[in-house]
Amino acid sequence: MRAVLQRVLSANVHVKGEEISSIKEGVLLFLGIEVEDTAEDINWLTKKLVNLRIFSDDDGKMNRSLLDVNGDVLVVSQFTLHASTKKGNRPSFVKAAPPEVAVPLYTSFIQSMETALGKKVAAGQFGANMQVGLVNDGPVTIILDSKDKR
């Protein structure tokens, strides 16, 4: 699983002009699911994400986690995170999981995050053309990859 997280003051998702999800302070997470991803990837990413210290403490240092600040999470599926641009000018998405593989993993990841945080996690609409709005805080943008453990 590959994820791009952005620390936000707020974020929302619209589909066909209608807002379907929104959050306040927390993390907007773009999630790319690979063909080879498993429950192990979900567990690693969940643990890393909820404990990652990217929120400021009273001294302005990034020492607080999502758990510490009771932050919100908005998860948006994004198969393009697995784009390969190695050959030519048109990206290849052969590593991205097809919907029959990705949807159950996407759903499981959201459930795993809800369990870890003890609250509802907002989500985009899998496979939809979404418009994502955000107020980036910092900005803080971090890439996580469960295969590289980075």
N, C-alpha and C. Protein backbone atom coordinates (compact mmCIF):
# COMPACT_ATOMS: atom_id res chain seq x y z
N MET A 1 0.85 -1.17 0.00
CA MET A 1 0.00 0.00 0.00
C MET A 1 0.89 1.23 0.00
N ARG A 2 0.48 2.15 -0.78
CA ARG A 2 1.20 3.42 -0.86
C ARG A 2 0.22 4.51 -0.45
N ALA A 3 0.69 5.40 0.41
CA ALA A 3 -0.18 6.46 0.89
C ALA A 3 0.55 7.79 0.87
N VAL A 4 -0.18 8.81 0.51
CA VAL A 4 0.30 10.18 0.62
C VAL A 4 -0.61 10.84 1.64
N LEU A 5 -0.02 11.26 2.75
CA LEU A 5 -0.83 11.89 3.79
C LEU A 5 -0.51 13.37 3.83
N GLN A 6 -1.54 14.13 4.08
CA GLN A 6 -1.39 15.57 4.23
C GLN A 6 -2.07 15.97 5.54
N ARG A 7 -1.31 16.69 6.36
CA ARG A 7 -1.89 17.23 7.59
C ARG A 7 -2.78 18.40 7.16
N VAL A 8 -4.02 18.38 7.62
CA VAL A 8 -4.98 19.38 7.18
C VAL A 8 -5.71 20.03 8.35
N LEU A 9 -6.17 21.26 8.10
CA LEU A 9 -7.09 21.92 9.03
C LEU A 9 -8.51 21.51 8.71
N SER A 10 -8.75 21.16 7.41
CA SER A 10 -10.04 20.64 6.97
C SER A 10 -9.85 20.02 5.59
N ALA A 11 -10.75 19.13 5.24
CA ALA A 11 -10.73 18.51 3.91
C ALA A 11 -12.13 18.00 3.59
N ASN A 12 -12.43 17.90 2.29
CA ASN A 12 -13.73 17.38 1.88
C ASN A 12 -13.62 16.71 0.51
N VAL A 13 -14.63 15.90 0.21
CA VAL A 13 -14.72 15.22 -1.08
C VAL A 13 -16.10 15.47 -1.66
N HIS A 14 -16.11 15.85 -2.94
CA HIS A 14 -17.36 16.02 -3.68
C HIS A 14 -17.40 15.02 -4.83
N VAL A 15 -18.57 14.48 -5.07
CA VAL A 15 -18.83 13.62 -6.24
C VAL A 15 -20.08 14.16 -6.92
N LYS A 16 -19.95 14.45 -8.20
CA LYS A 16 -21.06 15.01 -8.99
C LYS A 16 -21.65 16.25 -8.33
N GLY A 17 -20.76 17.11 -7.79
CA GLY A 17 -21.20 18.36 -7.20
C GLY A 17 -21.75 18.28 -5.80
N GLU A 18 -21.80 17.09 -5.22
CA GLU A 18 -22.36 16.91 -3.88
C GLU A 18 -21.26 16.48 -2.91
N GLU A 19 -21.20 17.16 -1.75
CA GLU A 19 -20.22 16.77 -0.74
C GLU A 19 -20.62 15.43 -0.14
N ILE A 20 -19.67 14.47 -0.17
CA ILE A 20 -19.97 13.15 0.40
C ILE A 20 -19.23 12.89 1.71
N SER A 21 -18.14 13.64 1.95
CA SER A 21 -17.35 13.47 3.17
C SER A 21 -16.62 14.77 3.50
N SER A 22 -16.41 14.98 4.79
CA SER A 22 -15.59 16.11 5.21
C SER A 22 -15.03 15.85 6.59
N ILE A 23 -13.90 16.49 6.87
CA ILE A 23 -13.27 16.39 8.19
C ILE A 23 -12.78 17.77 8.62
N LYS A 24 -12.49 17.86 9.89
CA LYS A 24 -11.82 19.04 10.43
C LYS A 24 -10.34 18.68 10.58
N GLU A 25 -9.66 19.19 11.61
CA GLU A 25 -8.22 18.95 11.77
C GLU A 25 -7.88 17.46 11.78
N GLY A 26 -6.86 17.12 11.00
CA GLY A 26 -6.43 15.73 10.97
C GLY A 26 -5.59 15.43 9.75
N VAL A 27 -5.90 14.31 9.10
CA VAL A 27 -5.12 13.83 7.97
C VAL A 27 -6.02 13.48 6.80
N LEU A 28 -5.64 13.99 5.63
CA LEU A 28 -6.22 13.55 4.37
C LEU A 28 -5.25 12.52 3.83
N LEU A 29 -5.74 11.31 3.57
CA LEU A 29 -4.87 10.21 3.15
C LEU A 29 -5.31 9.71 1.78
N PHE A 30 -4.42 9.87 0.81
CA PHE A 30 -4.64 9.28 -0.51
C PHE A 30 -4.04 7.89 -0.46
N LEU A 31 -4.84 6.86 -0.77
CA LEU A 31 -4.42 5.47 -0.60
C LEU A 31 -4.42 4.73 -1.92
N GLY A 32 -3.24 4.21 -2.28
CA GLY A 32 -3.10 3.38 -3.48
C GLY A 32 -2.89 1.94 -3.07
N ILE A 33 -3.72 1.05 -3.62
CA ILE A 33 -3.65 -0.36 -3.26
C ILE A 33 -3.03 -1.13 -4.42
N GLU A 34 -2.04 -1.94 -4.09
CA GLU A 34 -1.29 -2.71 -5.06
C GLU A 34 -1.83 -4.14 -5.12
N VAL A 35 -1.60 -4.79 -6.24
CA VAL A 35 -2.07 -6.17 -6.46
C VAL A 35 -1.62 -7.09 -5.32
N GLU A 36 -0.42 -6.91 -4.82
CA GLU A 36 0.15 -7.82 -3.83
C GLU A 36 -0.16 -7.44 -2.38
N ASP A 37 -0.95 -6.42 -2.14
CA ASP A 37 -1.24 -5.99 -0.77
C ASP A 37 -2.09 -7.01 -0.03
N THR A 38 -1.87 -7.07 1.29
CA THR A 38 -2.57 -8.02 2.16
C THR A 38 -2.95 -7.34 3.47
N ALA A 39 -3.51 -8.12 4.37
CA ALA A 39 -3.85 -7.62 5.71
C ALA A 39 -2.60 -7.13 6.44
N GLU A 40 -1.45 -7.71 6.16
CA GLU A 40 -0.20 -7.26 6.79
C GLU A 40 0.10 -5.79 6.42
N ASP A 41 -0.16 -5.44 5.17
CA ASP A 41 0.05 -4.05 4.74
C ASP A 41 -0.92 -3.12 5.46
N ILE A 42 -2.16 -3.55 5.61
CA ILE A 42 -3.16 -2.75 6.33
C ILE A 42 -2.71 -2.51 7.76
N ASN A 43 -2.26 -3.58 8.42
CA ASN A 43 -1.84 -3.46 9.82
C ASN A 43 -0.65 -2.52 9.97
N TRP A 44 0.35 -2.66 9.09
CA TRP A 44 1.53 -1.80 9.17
C TRP A 44 1.15 -0.34 8.97
N LEU A 45 0.37 -0.08 7.91
CA LEU A 45 0.00 1.30 7.58
C LEU A 45 -0.87 1.92 8.67
N THR A 46 -1.80 1.17 9.20
CA THR A 46 -2.65 1.68 10.28
C THR A 46 -1.82 2.08 11.49
N LYS A 47 -0.96 1.17 11.93
CA LYS A 47 -0.14 1.44 13.11
C LYS A 47 0.77 2.65 12.87
N LYS A 48 1.39 2.71 11.71
CA LYS A 48 2.28 3.82 11.39
C LYS A 48 1.51 5.14 11.38
N LEU A 49 0.37 5.14 10.73
CA LEU A 49 -0.39 6.37 10.56
C LEU A 49 -0.92 6.92 11.88
N VAL A 50 -1.49 6.10 12.71
CA VAL A 50 -2.08 6.63 13.96
C VAL A 50 -1.03 7.06 14.96
N ASN A 51 0.20 6.55 14.82
CA ASN A 51 1.26 6.89 15.77
C ASN A 51 2.28 7.89 15.23
N LEU A 52 2.19 8.24 13.97
CA LEU A 52 3.14 9.17 13.36
C LEU A 52 2.99 10.55 14.01
N ARG A 53 4.07 11.07 14.53
CA ARG A 53 4.03 12.34 15.26
C ARG A 53 4.22 13.51 14.29
N ILE A 54 3.10 13.99 13.77
CA ILE A 54 3.14 15.06 12.77
C ILE A 54 2.35 16.30 13.21
N PHE A 55 1.84 16.28 14.43
CA PHE A 55 1.08 17.42 14.96
C PHE A 55 1.91 18.11 16.03
N SER A 56 1.80 19.42 16.06
CA SER A 56 2.64 20.23 16.95
C SER A 56 2.23 20.12 18.41
N ASP A 57 3.26 20.13 19.27
CA ASP A 57 3.02 20.21 20.71
C ASP A 57 2.98 21.68 21.11
N ASP A 58 2.97 21.95 22.40
CA ASP A 58 2.89 23.34 22.88
C ASP A 58 4.12 24.18 22.51
N ASP A 59 5.23 23.50 22.19
CA ASP A 59 6.46 24.20 21.80
C ASP A 59 6.61 24.32 20.29
N GLY A 60 5.58 23.89 19.55
CA GLY A 60 5.63 23.98 18.10
C GLY A 60 6.40 22.87 17.42
N LYS A 61 6.79 21.84 18.17
CA LYS A 61 7.52 20.71 17.60
C LYS A 61 6.54 19.60 17.24
N MET A 62 6.82 18.88 16.16
CA MET A 62 5.94 17.77 15.76
C MET A 62 6.17 16.58 16.70
N ASN A 63 5.40 16.54 17.77
CA ASN A 63 5.53 15.50 18.78
C ASN A 63 4.21 14.79 19.09
N ARG A 64 3.14 15.18 18.41
CA ARG A 64 1.83 14.58 18.71
C ARG A 64 1.33 13.78 17.51
N SER A 65 0.64 12.71 17.82
CA SER A 65 0.08 11.82 16.80
C SER A 65 -1.41 12.10 16.61
N LEU A 66 -1.98 11.41 15.64
CA LEU A 66 -3.44 11.48 15.45
C LEU A 66 -4.16 11.10 16.73
N LEU A 67 -3.67 10.07 17.41
CA LEU A 67 -4.28 9.64 18.66
C LEU A 67 -4.20 10.74 19.71
N ASP A 68 -3.04 11.40 19.78
CA ASP A 68 -2.84 12.45 20.79
C ASP A 68 -3.78 13.64 20.59
N VAL A 69 -4.03 14.00 19.34
CA VAL A 69 -4.84 15.19 19.07
C VAL A 69 -6.29 14.86 18.74
N ASN A 70 -6.63 13.55 18.77
CA ASN A 70 -7.96 13.08 18.40
C ASN A 70 -8.34 13.60 17.00
N GLY A 71 -7.37 13.53 16.09
CA GLY A 71 -7.56 14.05 14.74
C GLY A 71 -8.48 13.20 13.90
N ASP A 72 -9.08 13.86 12.91
CA ASP A 72 -9.95 13.18 11.95
C ASP A 72 -9.11 12.61 10.80
N VAL A 73 -9.69 11.67 10.08
CA VAL A 73 -9.04 11.08 8.92
C VAL A 73 -10.05 10.98 7.79
N LEU A 74 -9.60 11.38 6.60
CA LEU A 74 -10.37 11.22 5.37
C LEU A 74 -9.51 10.39 4.42
N VAL A 75 -10.02 9.21 4.03
CA VAL A 75 -9.29 8.30 3.15
C VAL A 75 -9.90 8.37 1.75
N VAL A 76 -9.03 8.62 0.76
CA VAL A 76 -9.45 8.72 -0.63
C VAL A 76 -8.65 7.71 -1.44
N SER A 77 -9.34 6.79 -2.11
CA SER A 77 -8.65 5.80 -2.94
C SER A 77 -8.03 6.50 -4.14
N GLN A 78 -6.80 6.09 -4.47
CA GLN A 78 -6.11 6.72 -5.59
C GLN A 78 -5.15 5.72 -6.24
N PHE A 79 -5.66 4.99 -7.23
CA PHE A 79 -4.85 3.97 -7.90
C PHE A 79 -3.65 4.58 -8.61
N THR A 80 -3.71 5.87 -8.94
CA THR A 80 -2.61 6.51 -9.67
C THR A 80 -1.33 6.61 -8.84
N LEU A 81 -1.40 6.34 -7.54
CA LEU A 81 -0.19 6.32 -6.72
C LEU A 81 0.75 5.19 -7.13
N HIS A 82 0.22 4.22 -7.85
CA HIS A 82 1.05 3.10 -8.33
C HIS A 82 1.41 3.25 -9.80
N ALA A 83 1.37 4.47 -10.30
CA ALA A 83 1.75 4.72 -11.69
C ALA A 83 3.23 4.48 -11.89
N SER A 84 3.55 3.85 -13.02
CA SER A 84 4.93 3.72 -13.44
C SER A 84 5.13 4.63 -14.65
N THR A 85 6.14 5.47 -14.57
CA THR A 85 6.43 6.39 -15.67
C THR A 85 7.79 6.06 -16.29
N LYS A 86 8.23 4.84 -16.07
CA LYS A 86 9.56 4.42 -16.52
C LYS A 86 9.72 4.48 -18.03
N LYS A 87 8.71 4.03 -18.77
CA LYS A 87 8.80 4.00 -20.22
C LYS A 87 7.76 4.95 -20.83
N GLY A 88 8.18 5.76 -21.75
CA GLY A 88 7.26 6.63 -22.47
C GLY A 88 6.69 7.75 -21.62
N ASN A 89 5.62 8.34 -22.14
CA ASN A 89 4.99 9.47 -21.47
C ASN A 89 3.60 9.17 -20.95
N ARG A 90 3.13 7.95 -21.15
CA ARG A 90 1.81 7.57 -20.63
C ARG A 90 2.03 6.64 -19.44
N PRO A 91 1.52 7.01 -18.27
CA PRO A 91 1.72 6.16 -17.09
C PRO A 91 1.09 4.78 -17.25
N SER A 92 1.74 3.81 -16.66
CA SER A 92 1.21 2.45 -16.61
C SER A 92 0.73 2.19 -15.19
N PHE A 93 -0.40 1.52 -15.08
CA PHE A 93 -0.98 1.25 -13.76
C PHE A 93 -1.08 -0.25 -13.48
N VAL A 94 -0.19 -1.05 -14.05
CA VAL A 94 -0.28 -2.50 -13.93
C VAL A 94 -0.12 -2.99 -12.50
N LYS A 95 0.56 -2.23 -11.64
CA LYS A 95 0.74 -2.65 -10.24
C LYS A 95 -0.47 -2.32 -9.37
N ALA A 96 -1.33 -1.42 -9.84
CA ALA A 96 -2.52 -1.06 -9.07
C ALA A 96 -3.50 -2.23 -9.06
N ALA A 97 -4.07 -2.49 -7.91
CA ALA A 97 -5.01 -3.60 -7.79
C ALA A 97 -6.32 -3.29 -8.51
N PRO A 98 -6.90 -4.30 -9.19
CA PRO A 98 -8.21 -4.09 -9.80
C PRO A 98 -9.28 -3.97 -8.71
N PRO A 99 -10.42 -3.40 -9.04
CA PRO A 99 -11.46 -3.18 -8.02
C PRO A 99 -11.84 -4.41 -7.20
N GLU A 100 -11.89 -5.58 -7.82
CA GLU A 100 -12.30 -6.77 -7.05
C GLU A 100 -11.29 -7.12 -5.95
N VAL A 101 -10.06 -6.69 -6.08
CA VAL A 101 -9.05 -6.88 -5.05
C VAL A 101 -8.98 -5.65 -4.14
N ALA A 102 -9.02 -4.47 -4.75
CA ALA A 102 -8.81 -3.23 -4.01
C ALA A 102 -9.96 -2.86 -3.07
N VAL A 103 -11.19 -3.05 -3.50
CA VAL A 103 -12.33 -2.61 -2.67
C VAL A 103 -12.35 -3.30 -1.30
N PRO A 104 -12.20 -4.62 -1.22
CA PRO A 104 -12.18 -5.23 0.12
C PRO A 104 -11.01 -4.74 0.99
N LEU A 105 -9.85 -4.51 0.37
CA LEU A 105 -8.71 -4.01 1.13
C LEU A 105 -8.94 -2.56 1.58
N TYR A 106 -9.51 -1.76 0.71
CA TYR A 106 -9.84 -0.36 1.03
C TYR A 106 -10.81 -0.32 2.22
N THR A 107 -11.85 -1.14 2.16
CA THR A 107 -12.84 -1.21 3.23
C THR A 107 -12.21 -1.69 4.53
N SER A 108 -11.36 -2.71 4.43
CA SER A 108 -10.68 -3.23 5.62
C SER A 108 -9.75 -2.20 6.23
N PHE A 109 -9.07 -1.43 5.39
CA PHE A 109 -8.18 -0.40 5.90
C PHE A 109 -8.98 0.64 6.68
N ILE A 110 -10.09 1.08 6.14
CA ILE A 110 -10.92 2.07 6.82
C ILE A 110 -11.40 1.52 8.16
N GLN A 111 -11.84 0.27 8.17
CA GLN A 111 -12.28 -0.36 9.43
C GLN A 111 -11.14 -0.46 10.43
N SER A 112 -9.95 -0.78 9.96
CA SER A 112 -8.78 -0.88 10.82
C SER A 112 -8.45 0.48 11.44
N MET A 113 -8.54 1.53 10.64
CA MET A 113 -8.30 2.88 11.15
C MET A 113 -9.35 3.27 12.18
N GLU A 114 -10.62 2.93 11.93
CA GLU A 114 -11.68 3.25 12.88
C GLU A 114 -11.46 2.55 14.21
N THR A 115 -11.02 1.31 14.15
CA THR A 115 -10.73 0.56 15.38
C THR A 115 -9.57 1.20 16.13
N ALA A 116 -8.51 1.54 15.41
CA ALA A 116 -7.32 2.12 16.04
C ALA A 116 -7.60 3.49 16.64
N LEU A 117 -8.42 4.29 15.97
CA LEU A 117 -8.72 5.64 16.44
C LEU A 117 -9.90 5.70 17.39
N GLY A 118 -10.74 4.68 17.36
CA GLY A 118 -11.93 4.67 18.21
C GLY A 118 -13.00 5.63 17.75
N LYS A 119 -13.02 5.92 16.44
CA LYS A 119 -14.03 6.82 15.90
C LYS A 119 -14.18 6.60 14.40
N LYS A 120 -15.21 7.20 13.85
CA LYS A 120 -15.53 7.08 12.43
C LYS A 120 -14.44 7.74 11.58
N VAL A 121 -14.13 7.10 10.46
CA VAL A 121 -13.19 7.63 9.49
C VAL A 121 -13.99 7.99 8.24
N ALA A 122 -13.77 9.19 7.73
CA ALA A 122 -14.46 9.63 6.51
C ALA A 122 -13.77 9.01 5.30
N ALA A 123 -14.52 8.88 4.21
CA ALA A 123 -13.95 8.26 3.01
C ALA A 123 -14.52 8.88 1.75
N GLY A 124 -13.71 8.76 0.70
CA GLY A 124 -14.18 9.12 -0.63
C GLY A 124 -15.02 7.98 -1.17
N GLN A 125 -15.36 8.05 -2.44
CA GLN A 125 -16.15 7.00 -3.08
C GLN A 125 -15.25 6.25 -4.04
N PHE A 126 -15.01 4.99 -3.74
CA PHE A 126 -14.08 4.19 -4.54
C PHE A 126 -14.49 4.20 -6.01
N GLY A 127 -13.54 4.48 -6.88
CA GLY A 127 -13.76 4.44 -8.32
C GLY A 127 -14.46 5.64 -8.92
N ALA A 128 -14.89 6.57 -8.09
CA ALA A 128 -15.61 7.75 -8.58
C ALA A 128 -14.63 8.83 -9.01
N ASN A 129 -15.11 9.72 -9.86
CA ASN A 129 -14.38 10.94 -10.19
C ASN A 129 -14.67 11.91 -9.05
N MET A 130 -13.67 12.15 -8.21
CA MET A 130 -13.86 12.96 -7.00
C MET A 130 -13.14 14.30 -7.12
N GLN A 131 -13.71 15.30 -6.49
CA GLN A 131 -13.05 16.58 -6.33
C GLN A 131 -12.71 16.69 -4.85
N VAL A 132 -11.43 16.81 -4.56
CA VAL A 132 -10.95 16.82 -3.18
C VAL A 132 -10.48 18.23 -2.84
N GLY A 133 -11.02 18.76 -1.76
CA GLY A 133 -10.62 20.07 -1.28
C GLY A 133 -9.91 19.94 0.05
N LEU A 134 -8.93 20.80 0.30
CA LEU A 134 -8.23 20.74 1.58
C LEU A 134 -7.60 22.07 1.92
N VAL A 135 -7.44 22.26 3.22
CA VAL A 135 -6.63 23.36 3.73
C VAL A 135 -5.44 22.67 4.38
N ASN A 136 -4.33 22.64 3.63
CA ASN A 136 -3.12 21.96 4.07
C ASN A 136 -2.53 22.74 5.24
N ASP A 137 -2.11 22.04 6.27
CA ASP A 137 -1.57 22.66 7.47
C ASP A 137 -0.06 22.45 7.51
N GLY A 138 0.68 23.48 7.28
CA GLY A 138 2.14 23.42 7.35
C GLY A 138 2.82 24.06 6.16
N PRO A 139 2.79 23.45 5.02
CA PRO A 139 2.21 22.15 4.69
C PRO A 139 3.07 21.00 5.20
N VAL A 140 2.38 19.93 5.57
CA VAL A 140 3.04 18.68 5.94
C VAL A 140 2.48 17.61 5.01
N THR A 141 3.34 17.05 4.18
CA THR A 141 2.97 16.00 3.24
C THR A 141 4.00 14.89 3.36
N ILE A 142 3.55 13.66 3.61
CA ILE A 142 4.45 12.52 3.83
C ILE A 142 3.98 11.34 3.00
N ILE A 143 4.95 10.64 2.42
CA ILE A 143 4.66 9.43 1.65
C ILE A 143 5.00 8.22 2.50
N LEU A 144 4.06 7.27 2.58
CA LEU A 144 4.27 6.01 3.28
C LEU A 144 4.09 4.87 2.28
N ASP A 145 4.92 3.86 2.40
CA ASP A 145 4.82 2.70 1.52
C ASP A 145 5.05 1.44 2.33
N SER A 146 4.04 0.58 2.40
CA SER A 146 4.13 -0.61 3.23
C SER A 146 5.12 -1.64 2.70
N LYS A 147 5.46 -1.56 1.42
CA LYS A 147 6.46 -2.49 0.86
C LYS A 147 7.87 -2.06 1.22
N ASP A 148 8.11 -0.76 1.27
CA ASP A 148 9.43 -0.24 1.62
C ASP A 148 9.55 0.06 3.11
N LYS A 149 8.43 0.01 3.81
CA LYS A 149 8.37 0.35 5.24
C LYS A 149 8.94 1.75 5.47
N ARG A 150 8.56 2.67 4.57
CA ARG A 150 9.02 4.05 4.72
C ARG A 150 7.83 4.98 4.68
